[in-house]
Amino acid sequence: MNTYIEQNKERFLEELFELLRIPSVSTDSKYRGDLRNAAQFLADKLTAAGADNVELCETPGNPIVYGEKMVDPSKPTVLVYGHYDVQPADPLELWDTPPFEPEIRNDKIYARGACDDKGQMYMHVKAFETMMETGNLDCNVKFMLEGEEEIGSVHLTDFVINNKEKLAADVILISDTGMIANDTPSITVGLRGLAYMEVEVTGPNRDLHSGLYGGAVKNPINALTEMIATLIDDKGHITVKGFYDNVQEVSAEDREAMAKAPFSQERYNNSIGIPAAVGEEGYSTVERQTIRPTLDVNGIWGGYIGEGAKTVIASKAYAKISMRLVPGQSSDEISKKFAEHFMSIAPEGVTVKVTPHHGGEPVVIPTDSKAYIAASKAYTDTFGKEPIPMRGGGSIPIVAMFKDQLGLDSIMMGFGLDSDAIHSPNEHFGVFNYMKGIETIPLFYKYFGE
């Protein structure tokens, strides 16, 4: 298989470039046609690679690409999940090269979606092609590639519920996470959940002259910032009433095992340009971003932000606030607690509206399953060392949904790095990582089939 991969390396890269050139931004309706083009591209490539029954499954939003290869009903079935939609590329001026014109620099592929998730998802298509062309497909395989992950997979749950027989499998395989380093492989065995809220604070019924009304009217922007400032105390604890009630604490043994993973605080700080890392008291940086819940303001706006001065007291102020959740917490429960708390701390003179957006549940994957062991063996073969099981700080809400609706655990074989700048300008994905994924994935099929 490795010979086939090496012989087709340039083509594998060029095909990924073709996909990366399609601006499949799901958050903006003007890209609806591009999303369909990306879906059709994947359907064509799956067909060319040898998949059967390839189709674009229509939803009220963007289509889901489905394809399969059933080699032997007695063999296990792997359901591959990935997404072809990407985040917006803004701010464009911070990109060194145009976000939808992929370019290799320093052995890294620079483009929006290079790592999240087009590059990692397309590894599975090329791994499938490799297994088909070399006669090494040791499992049945099904593909389910969606175009709405970046907007909360809004139609995927209905699709799964309505197609349980079509999607029947033994395990779900996902590459939408990362690993510790190119010389330190890891497998993600836990993900945080998410509760995403928007808040609106209203004061007067219109924008007011700050000279005529200043000092006599509660400024909604002042009120909003005062409220936000109380949400986390000086020890890094979230003050929402009942926020920690159901948090499942990680054992000292597991924390000790996590601490064995290589980590440089200095390198971490330098990589993102901060003088020091801060957070919840009593926890390390790695623990704060993986096993502890968080609360962050993702955006805040209101009033006049144009050039020059305009002396107004704004009528409204807004913020978007997200909370990452850990096992024991649920997005519905935390959303309700946040809304109740935020309403309760509103000062006199303003009214508050809290709107939940999307959420997702935290998950933990067992490390003693046949699928995990197969993945571990695959990494060990290609990297020369056993992968470390790690919890991830991000959220993939569909992992919990797959468990609920299909009864299947997901194996998260990520090949990205924390430094890949996903969701940021100059997102990139190493050529090494892309090719190593194509090399490693077939070995998962081999060992899982055994």
Protein backbone atom coordinates (compact mmCIF):
# COMPACT_ATOMS: atom_id res chain seq x y z
CA MET A 1 0.00 0.00 0.00
CA ASN A 2 2.80 2.42 0.83
CA THR A 3 4.19 2.11 -2.69
CA TYR A 4 0.80 3.05 -4.16
CA ILE A 5 0.52 6.03 -1.79
CA GLU A 6 3.99 7.30 -2.67
CA GLN A 7 3.39 6.87 -6.41
CA ASN A 8 0.16 8.90 -6.19
CA LYS A 9 1.27 11.52 -3.65
CA GLU A 10 1.20 14.47 -6.05
CA ARG A 11 -2.24 13.53 -7.37
CA PHE A 12 -3.57 13.09 -3.83
CA LEU A 13 -2.34 16.61 -3.02
CA GLU A 14 -3.71 18.16 -6.20
CA GLU A 15 -7.15 16.62 -5.63
CA LEU A 16 -7.18 18.08 -2.11
CA PHE A 17 -6.22 21.44 -3.60
CA GLU A 18 -9.21 21.21 -5.96
CA LEU A 19 -11.49 20.68 -2.97
CA LEU A 20 -9.85 23.49 -1.00
CA ARG A 21 -10.43 25.91 -3.87
CA ILE A 22 -14.19 25.55 -3.40
CA PRO A 23 -15.34 28.19 -0.85
CA SER A 24 -17.83 25.94 0.94
CA VAL A 25 -18.67 28.33 3.80
CA SER A 26 -21.83 27.07 5.50
CA THR A 27 -22.45 30.15 7.66
CA ASP A 28 -23.21 32.35 4.64
CA SER A 29 -26.10 31.54 2.28
CA LYS A 30 -24.32 33.11 -0.70
CA TYR A 31 -22.03 30.06 -0.76
CA ARG A 32 -24.90 27.58 -1.10
CA GLY A 33 -23.88 26.71 -4.66
CA ASP A 34 -20.26 26.20 -3.63
CA LEU A 35 -21.34 23.79 -0.91
CA ARG A 36 -23.20 21.72 -3.47
CA ASN A 37 -20.16 21.80 -5.74
CA ALA A 38 -18.00 20.49 -2.89
CA ALA A 39 -20.51 17.71 -2.22
CA GLN A 40 -20.58 16.74 -5.90
CA PHE A 41 -16.77 16.75 -6.01
CA LEU A 42 -16.67 14.25 -3.14
CA ALA A 43 -19.39 12.10 -4.69
CA ASP A 44 -17.43 11.95 -7.95
CA LYS A 45 -14.19 11.04 -6.15
CA LEU A 46 -15.88 8.33 -4.08
CA THR A 47 -17.36 6.84 -7.24
CA ALA A 48 -14.00 6.94 -8.98
CA ALA A 49 -12.38 5.25 -5.99
CA GLY A 50 -14.82 2.34 -6.24
CA ALA A 51 -17.65 3.17 -3.86
CA ASP A 52 -21.15 1.92 -4.65
CA ASN A 53 -24.55 3.59 -4.23
CA VAL A 54 -22.97 7.04 -4.07
CA GLU A 55 -25.58 9.78 -3.75
CA LEU A 56 -26.22 13.31 -2.58
CA CYS A 57 -28.83 12.90 0.13
CA GLU A 58 -30.90 16.06 0.17
CA THR A 59 -31.73 17.88 3.42
CA PRO A 60 -33.46 21.22 4.02
CA GLY A 61 -29.90 22.58 4.06
CA ASN A 62 -26.78 21.23 2.37
CA PRO A 63 -26.65 17.69 0.97
CA ILE A 64 -25.03 14.77 2.77
CA VAL A 65 -22.70 12.68 0.62
CA TYR A 66 -23.25 8.95 1.06
CA GLY A 67 -21.37 6.03 -0.46
CA GLU A 68 -20.49 2.46 0.53
CA LYS A 69 -18.51 -0.62 -0.29
CA MET A 70 -19.86 -3.85 1.19
CA VAL A 71 -17.15 -6.44 0.56
CA ASP A 72 -18.39 -9.23 2.85
CA PRO A 73 -21.46 -9.28 5.15
CA SER A 74 -19.47 -11.33 7.68
CA LYS A 75 -16.89 -8.57 8.07
CA PRO A 76 -17.31 -5.53 10.34
CA THR A 77 -18.55 -2.24 8.91
CA VAL A 78 -16.85 1.11 9.41
CA LEU A 79 -18.94 4.29 9.05
CA VAL A 80 -16.70 7.23 8.10
CA TYR A 81 -17.92 10.69 9.11
CA GLY A 82 -16.46 13.99 7.97
CA HIS A 83 -17.57 17.44 6.86
CA TYR A 84 -16.88 19.45 3.73
CA ASP A 85 -18.10 22.83 4.99
CA VAL A 86 -15.64 25.36 6.39
CA GLN A 87 -15.55 28.43 8.59
CA PRO A 88 -15.60 31.92 7.04
CA ALA A 89 -12.13 33.14 6.08
CA ASP A 90 -12.49 36.61 7.66
CA PRO A 91 -10.49 38.69 8.36
CA LEU A 92 -9.08 38.29 4.86
CA GLU A 93 -6.34 40.89 5.36
CA LEU A 94 -4.63 38.66 7.92
CA TRP A 95 -4.04 35.84 5.44
CA ASP A 96 -0.58 35.70 3.88
CA THR A 97 -2.08 34.06 0.79
CA PRO A 98 -5.74 33.96 -0.35
CA PRO A 99 -7.69 31.46 1.79
CA PHE A 100 -9.19 29.58 -1.16
CA GLU A 101 -6.00 29.44 -3.22
CA PRO A 102 -4.09 26.62 -1.49
CA GLU A 103 -0.34 26.87 -1.35
CA ILE A 104 2.40 24.73 0.17
CA ARG A 105 4.93 26.62 2.29
CA ASN A 106 7.39 24.97 4.66
CA ASP A 107 5.79 21.59 3.88
CA LYS A 108 2.38 22.85 5.05
CA ILE A 109 -0.79 23.28 3.02
CA TYR A 110 -2.23 26.77 3.64
CA ALA A 111 -5.95 27.23 2.93
CA ARG A 112 -9.26 27.53 4.73
CA GLY A 113 -10.37 24.00 5.54
CA ALA A 114 -6.90 22.50 5.04
CA CYS A 115 -7.08 20.85 8.46
CA ASP A 116 -10.71 21.44 9.51
CA ASP A 117 -11.93 19.28 7.97
CA LYS A 118 -11.31 18.93 4.24
CA GLY A 119 -7.74 17.70 4.54
CA GLN A 120 -8.51 15.24 7.30
CA MET A 121 -11.77 14.09 5.73
CA TYR A 122 -10.21 13.62 2.29
CA MET A 123 -7.53 11.36 3.79
CA HIS A 124 -10.30 8.79 4.22
CA VAL A 125 -11.32 9.01 0.56
CA LYS A 126 -7.73 8.47 -0.56
CA ALA A 127 -7.16 5.72 2.01
CA PHE A 128 -10.26 3.99 0.63
CA GLU A 129 -8.93 4.34 -2.91
CA THR A 130 -5.61 2.90 -1.78
CA MET A 131 -7.26 -0.12 -0.15
CA MET A 132 -9.41 -0.72 -3.22
CA GLU A 133 -6.53 -0.43 -5.70
CA THR A 134 -4.23 -2.69 -3.69
CA GLY A 135 -6.86 -5.28 -2.72
CA ASN A 136 -6.56 -4.52 0.99
CA LEU A 137 -10.07 -3.45 2.05
CA ASP A 138 -10.53 -5.60 5.15
CA CYS A 139 -13.90 -4.17 6.29
CA ASN A 140 -17.10 -2.94 4.80
CA VAL A 141 -17.14 0.85 4.65
CA LYS A 142 -19.80 3.54 4.50
CA PHE A 143 -19.24 7.26 4.06
CA MET A 144 -21.40 10.05 5.49
CA LEU A 145 -19.93 13.45 4.68
CA GLU A 146 -21.99 16.48 5.69
CA GLY A 147 -21.96 20.18 4.84
CA GLU A 148 -23.29 21.78 8.02
CA GLU A 149 -20.88 20.89 10.83
CA GLU A 150 -19.74 24.48 11.25
CA ILE A 151 -23.35 25.58 11.87
CA GLY A 152 -24.20 22.87 14.36
CA SER A 153 -25.04 19.93 12.04
CA VAL A 154 -28.59 21.23 12.05
CA HIS A 155 -30.06 18.52 9.78
CA LEU A 156 -27.79 15.59 10.54
CA THR A 157 -29.75 14.22 13.49
CA ASP A 158 -32.93 13.89 11.41
CA PHE A 159 -30.94 12.22 8.64
CA VAL A 160 -29.46 9.71 11.08
CA ILE A 161 -32.85 8.97 12.69
CA ASN A 162 -34.46 8.42 9.29
CA ASN A 163 -31.62 6.27 7.89
CA LYS A 164 -30.59 3.96 10.71
CA GLU A 165 -30.63 0.85 8.53
CA LYS A 166 -28.58 2.54 5.79
CA LEU A 167 -26.05 3.69 8.40
CA ALA A 168 -25.84 0.43 10.36
CA ALA A 169 -22.20 -0.20 11.29
CA ASP A 170 -19.89 -1.47 14.01
CA VAL A 171 -17.92 1.71 14.64
CA ILE A 172 -17.73 5.31 13.46
CA LEU A 173 -14.38 6.65 12.25
CA ILE A 174 -13.71 10.40 12.41
CA SER A 175 -10.70 12.57 11.66
CA ASP A 176 -11.68 16.03 12.91
CA THR A 177 -9.33 16.24 15.89
CA GLY A 178 -5.58 16.45 16.40
CA MET A 179 -2.60 14.75 17.93
CA ILE A 180 0.09 15.96 20.32
CA ALA A 181 2.96 16.28 17.80
CA ASN A 182 4.31 14.69 14.65
CA ASP A 183 6.64 12.57 16.77
CA THR A 184 4.06 11.94 19.52
CA PRO A 185 0.84 10.39 18.17
CA SER A 186 -2.31 10.48 20.25
CA ILE A 187 -5.94 9.45 19.97
CA THR A 188 -8.72 11.68 21.24
CA VAL A 189 -10.80 9.77 23.80
CA GLY A 190 -12.87 12.64 25.20
CA LEU A 191 -14.47 15.84 23.98
CA ARG A 192 -16.11 18.71 25.77
CA GLY A 193 -19.70 19.65 25.09
CA LEU A 194 -20.97 23.10 24.18
CA ALA A 195 -23.68 25.54 25.18
CA TYR A 196 -23.73 28.63 22.95
CA MET A 197 -25.77 31.68 23.93
CA GLU A 198 -26.52 35.14 22.61
CA VAL A 199 -27.47 37.92 25.03
CA GLU A 200 -29.17 41.23 24.30
CA VAL A 201 -29.29 44.12 26.75
CA THR A 202 -31.74 46.94 26.02
CA GLY A 203 -31.88 50.35 27.64
CA PRO A 204 -33.63 53.36 26.07
CA ASN A 205 -35.93 52.95 23.10
CA ARG A 206 -33.40 54.65 20.77
CA ASP A 207 -29.79 55.77 20.73
CA LEU A 208 -29.43 58.86 22.90
CA HIS A 209 -27.12 61.89 22.96
CA SER A 210 -24.52 61.05 25.63
CA GLY A 211 -24.31 64.67 26.71
CA LEU A 212 -28.01 65.23 27.15
CA TYR A 213 -28.72 61.85 28.76
CA GLY A 214 -25.37 60.69 30.14
CA GLY A 215 -25.46 60.03 33.87
CA ALA A 216 -29.24 59.75 34.00
CA VAL A 217 -29.76 56.62 31.84
CA LYS A 218 -28.20 53.18 32.29
CA ASN A 219 -25.93 52.56 29.32
CA PRO A 220 -26.63 49.05 27.96
CA ILE A 221 -22.99 48.60 26.92
CA ASN A 222 -21.81 49.51 30.42
CA ALA A 223 -24.43 47.19 31.89
CA LEU A 224 -23.43 44.29 29.62
CA THR A 225 -19.73 44.60 30.41
CA GLU A 226 -20.46 44.83 34.14
CA MET A 227 -22.56 41.66 33.96
CA ILE A 228 -19.97 39.77 31.94
CA ALA A 229 -17.24 40.79 34.38
CA THR A 230 -19.04 38.94 37.20
CA LEU A 231 -19.30 35.61 35.33
CA ILE A 232 -15.80 34.44 36.32
CA ASP A 233 -14.24 35.16 39.72
CA ASP A 234 -10.60 35.85 40.59
CA LYS A 235 -9.90 32.13 41.01
CA GLY A 236 -11.13 31.34 37.52
CA HIS A 237 -14.37 29.79 38.72
CA ILE A 238 -17.58 30.33 36.77
CA THR A 239 -20.17 31.99 38.97
CA VAL A 240 -23.34 30.77 37.23
CA LYS A 241 -25.43 29.24 40.01
CA GLY A 242 -25.27 25.44 39.93
CA PHE A 243 -22.75 25.40 37.06
CA TYR A 244 -20.52 22.74 38.66
CA ASP A 245 -23.28 20.68 40.30
CA ASN A 246 -22.97 17.63 38.03
CA VAL A 247 -19.36 17.88 36.90
CA GLN A 248 -17.67 14.48 37.01
CA GLU A 249 -14.25 15.05 38.56
CA VAL A 250 -11.31 13.33 36.86
CA SER A 251 -9.43 10.98 39.18
CA ALA A 252 -5.97 11.77 40.47
CA GLU A 253 -4.67 8.71 38.62
CA ASP A 254 -6.06 9.92 35.30
CA ARG A 255 -4.70 13.43 35.88
CA GLU A 256 -1.30 11.91 36.63
CA ALA A 257 -1.44 9.92 33.39
CA MET A 258 -2.36 13.07 31.43
CA ALA A 259 0.61 14.89 32.91
CA LYS A 260 2.99 12.38 31.32
CA ALA A 261 2.24 13.73 27.86
CA PRO A 262 4.99 16.09 26.64
CA PHE A 263 4.08 19.75 27.12
CA SER A 264 6.13 22.94 27.23
CA GLN A 265 4.42 25.91 28.84
CA GLU A 266 6.96 28.27 27.30
CA ARG A 267 6.43 26.90 23.81
CA TYR A 268 2.67 27.06 24.31
CA ASN A 269 2.82 30.72 25.38
CA ASN A 270 5.13 31.66 22.52
CA SER A 271 3.01 29.86 19.92
CA ILE A 272 0.05 32.15 20.56
CA GLY A 273 1.97 35.23 21.67
CA ILE A 274 0.85 35.52 25.30
CA PRO A 275 2.96 36.55 28.31
CA ALA A 276 1.37 33.93 30.58
CA ALA A 277 -1.38 31.31 30.64
CA VAL A 278 -4.16 31.82 33.17
CA GLY A 279 -7.28 29.94 34.19
CA GLU A 280 -9.03 27.99 36.89
CA GLU A 281 -6.97 27.72 40.05
CA GLY A 282 -5.58 24.29 40.87
CA TYR A 283 -5.38 22.97 37.31
CA SER A 284 -2.63 22.85 34.68
CA THR A 285 -2.93 24.45 31.27
CA VAL A 286 -3.64 21.10 29.61
CA GLU A 287 -6.28 20.25 32.22
CA ARG A 288 -7.94 23.66 31.89
CA GLN A 289 -8.41 23.15 28.17
CA THR A 290 -9.55 19.54 28.25
CA ILE A 291 -11.14 18.28 31.48
CA ARG A 292 -12.58 21.51 32.95
CA PRO A 293 -15.63 23.50 31.85
CA THR A 294 -15.18 27.04 30.57
CA LEU A 295 -17.05 30.24 29.79
CA ASP A 296 -15.88 32.66 27.09
CA VAL A 297 -17.23 35.75 25.38
CA ASN A 298 -16.91 35.09 21.65
CA GLY A 299 -18.10 38.48 20.46
CA ILE A 300 -19.46 41.74 21.85
CA TRP A 301 -20.92 44.73 20.07
CA GLY A 302 -23.16 47.77 20.35
CA GLY A 303 -23.16 51.52 19.81
CA TYR A 304 -20.95 53.41 17.38
CA ILE A 305 -17.81 51.68 16.13
CA GLY A 306 -17.19 53.64 12.92
CA GLU A 307 -14.39 56.06 12.18
CA GLY A 308 -14.21 59.20 14.28
CA ALA A 309 -16.52 60.08 17.16
CA LYS A 310 -20.26 59.84 17.66
CA THR A 311 -21.38 60.62 21.20
CA VAL A 312 -24.26 58.23 21.78
CA ILE A 313 -25.67 56.01 24.48
CA ALA A 314 -26.66 52.93 22.51
CA SER A 315 -30.14 51.52 22.80
CA LYS A 316 -28.84 47.93 22.73
CA ALA A 317 -25.72 45.90 23.39
CA TYR A 318 -25.06 42.28 22.46
CA ALA A 319 -22.67 39.46 23.20
CA LYS A 320 -22.17 35.85 22.15
CA ILE A 321 -21.07 33.58 24.98
CA SER A 322 -20.01 29.94 24.78
CA MET A 323 -19.48 27.40 27.52
CA ARG A 324 -17.47 24.22 27.03
CA LEU A 325 -18.90 21.38 29.08
CA VAL A 326 -17.44 18.22 30.62
CA PRO A 327 -18.96 14.83 31.43
CA GLY A 328 -21.87 15.16 33.84
CA GLN A 329 -23.05 18.46 32.37
CA SER A 330 -25.72 18.75 29.67
CA SER A 331 -26.14 21.58 27.21
CA ASP A 332 -29.84 22.03 28.01
CA GLU A 333 -29.21 22.15 31.76
CA ILE A 334 -26.34 24.63 31.48
CA SER A 335 -28.20 26.81 28.96
CA LYS A 336 -31.11 27.13 31.39
CA LYS A 337 -28.85 27.84 34.35
CA PHE A 338 -26.95 30.47 32.41
CA ALA A 339 -30.13 32.19 31.23
CA GLU A 340 -31.57 32.28 34.75
CA HIS A 341 -28.33 33.57 36.22
CA PHE A 342 -27.74 36.23 33.56
CA MET A 343 -31.29 37.55 33.89
CA SER A 344 -30.90 37.68 37.68
CA ILE A 345 -27.79 39.89 37.58
CA ALA A 346 -29.27 42.52 35.27
CA PRO A 347 -28.96 46.01 36.84
CA GLU A 348 -31.85 48.44 37.08
CA GLY A 349 -32.55 50.44 33.96
CA VAL A 350 -32.13 47.68 31.36
CA THR A 351 -33.94 44.59 30.18
CA VAL A 352 -32.16 41.38 29.16
CA LYS A 353 -32.91 38.71 26.58
CA VAL A 354 -30.98 35.42 26.41
CA THR A 355 -31.21 33.22 23.31
CA PRO A 356 -29.60 29.76 23.14
CA HIS A 357 -28.09 28.86 19.78
CA HIS A 358 -26.69 25.35 19.40
CA GLY A 359 -25.25 22.91 21.89
CA GLY A 360 -23.62 19.55 22.14
CA GLU A 361 -22.90 16.94 24.78
CA PRO A 362 -19.51 15.89 26.18
CA VAL A 363 -18.27 12.37 25.47
CA VAL A 364 -15.67 9.92 26.75
CA ILE A 365 -14.61 6.96 24.58
CA PRO A 366 -13.47 3.65 26.16
CA THR A 367 -9.83 2.70 25.55
CA ASP A 368 -10.38 -1.05 25.94
CA SER A 369 -12.65 -1.52 22.91
CA LYS A 370 -11.61 -3.50 19.83
CA ALA A 371 -11.85 -0.34 17.73
CA TYR A 372 -9.59 1.69 20.01
CA ILE A 373 -7.04 -1.13 20.14
CA ALA A 374 -7.11 -1.36 16.33
CA ALA A 375 -6.49 2.39 16.03
CA SER A 376 -3.68 2.21 18.57
CA LYS A 377 -1.98 -0.60 16.62
CA ALA A 378 -2.32 1.37 13.38
CA TYR A 379 -0.59 4.44 14.85
CA THR A 380 2.09 2.26 16.43
CA ASP A 381 2.91 0.76 13.04
CA THR A 382 3.24 4.06 11.17
CA PHE A 383 4.71 6.29 13.89
CA GLY A 384 6.87 3.68 15.60
CA LYS A 385 5.40 4.38 19.01
CA GLU A 386 2.13 3.76 20.81
CA PRO A 387 -0.32 6.69 20.75
CA ILE A 388 -1.29 8.47 23.96
CA PRO A 389 -5.02 8.62 24.78
CA MET A 390 -5.88 12.30 25.22
CA ARG A 391 -9.00 14.32 25.91
CA GLY A 392 -9.67 17.16 23.51
CA GLY A 393 -10.85 20.61 24.46
CA GLY A 394 -13.12 21.12 21.47
CA SER A 395 -16.62 19.88 20.77
CA ILE A 396 -17.96 17.55 18.09
CA PRO A 397 -21.63 17.39 19.15
CA ILE A 398 -22.49 14.67 16.66
CA VAL A 399 -20.29 12.14 18.50
CA ALA A 400 -22.76 12.02 21.40
CA MET A 401 -25.66 11.99 18.94
CA PHE A 402 -24.20 8.98 17.11
CA LYS A 403 -23.96 7.14 20.40
CA ASP A 404 -27.57 7.99 21.29
CA GLN A 405 -29.12 7.24 17.90
CA LEU A 406 -26.90 4.49 16.46
CA GLY A 407 -25.48 3.02 19.66
CA LEU A 408 -21.97 3.38 18.26
CA ASP A 409 -18.78 4.76 19.72
CA SER A 410 -16.59 6.94 17.53
CA ILE A 411 -12.87 6.48 17.07
CA MET A 412 -11.28 9.89 16.56
CA MET A 413 -8.11 9.43 14.55
CA GLY A 414 -6.99 13.04 14.25
CA PHE A 415 -3.79 14.04 12.45
CA GLY A 416 -3.92 17.82 12.90
CA LEU A 417 -1.84 19.86 15.32
CA ASP A 418 -2.87 22.58 17.76
CA SER A 419 -0.66 24.96 15.76
CA ASP A 420 -2.66 24.45 12.54
CA ALA A 421 -4.69 27.64 13.13
CA ILE A 422 -8.10 26.12 12.45
CA HIS A 423 -10.87 28.76 12.39
CA SER A 424 -8.11 31.40 12.12
CA PRO A 425 -6.24 33.19 9.33
CA ASN A 426 -3.49 31.11 7.71
CA GLU A 427 -5.03 27.76 8.60
CA HIS A 428 -2.72 24.97 7.47
CA PHE A 429 -2.19 21.21 7.49
CA GLY A 430 1.16 19.48 7.18
CA VAL A 431 1.89 17.49 4.04
CA PHE A 432 3.43 14.93 6.41
CA ASN A 433 0.18 14.76 8.38
CA TYR A 434 -2.00 14.39 5.29
CA MET A 435 0.10 11.58 3.88
CA LYS A 436 0.57 9.91 7.27
CA GLY A 437 -3.20 9.80 7.68
CA ILE A 438 -3.62 8.10 4.31
CA GLU A 439 -0.98 5.58 5.39
CA THR A 440 -2.41 4.94 8.88
CA ILE A 441 -6.15 4.68 8.17
CA PRO A 442 -5.93 1.44 6.11
CA LEU A 443 -4.12 -0.22 9.03
CA PHE A 444 -7.10 0.57 11.25
CA TYR A 445 -9.28 -1.40 8.81
CA LYS A 446 -6.75 -4.24 8.83
CA TYR A 447 -6.62 -4.58 12.62
CA PHE A 448 -10.33 -3.93 13.15
CA GLY A 449 -11.14 -6.54 10.51
CA GLU A 450 -8.98 -9.04 12.37
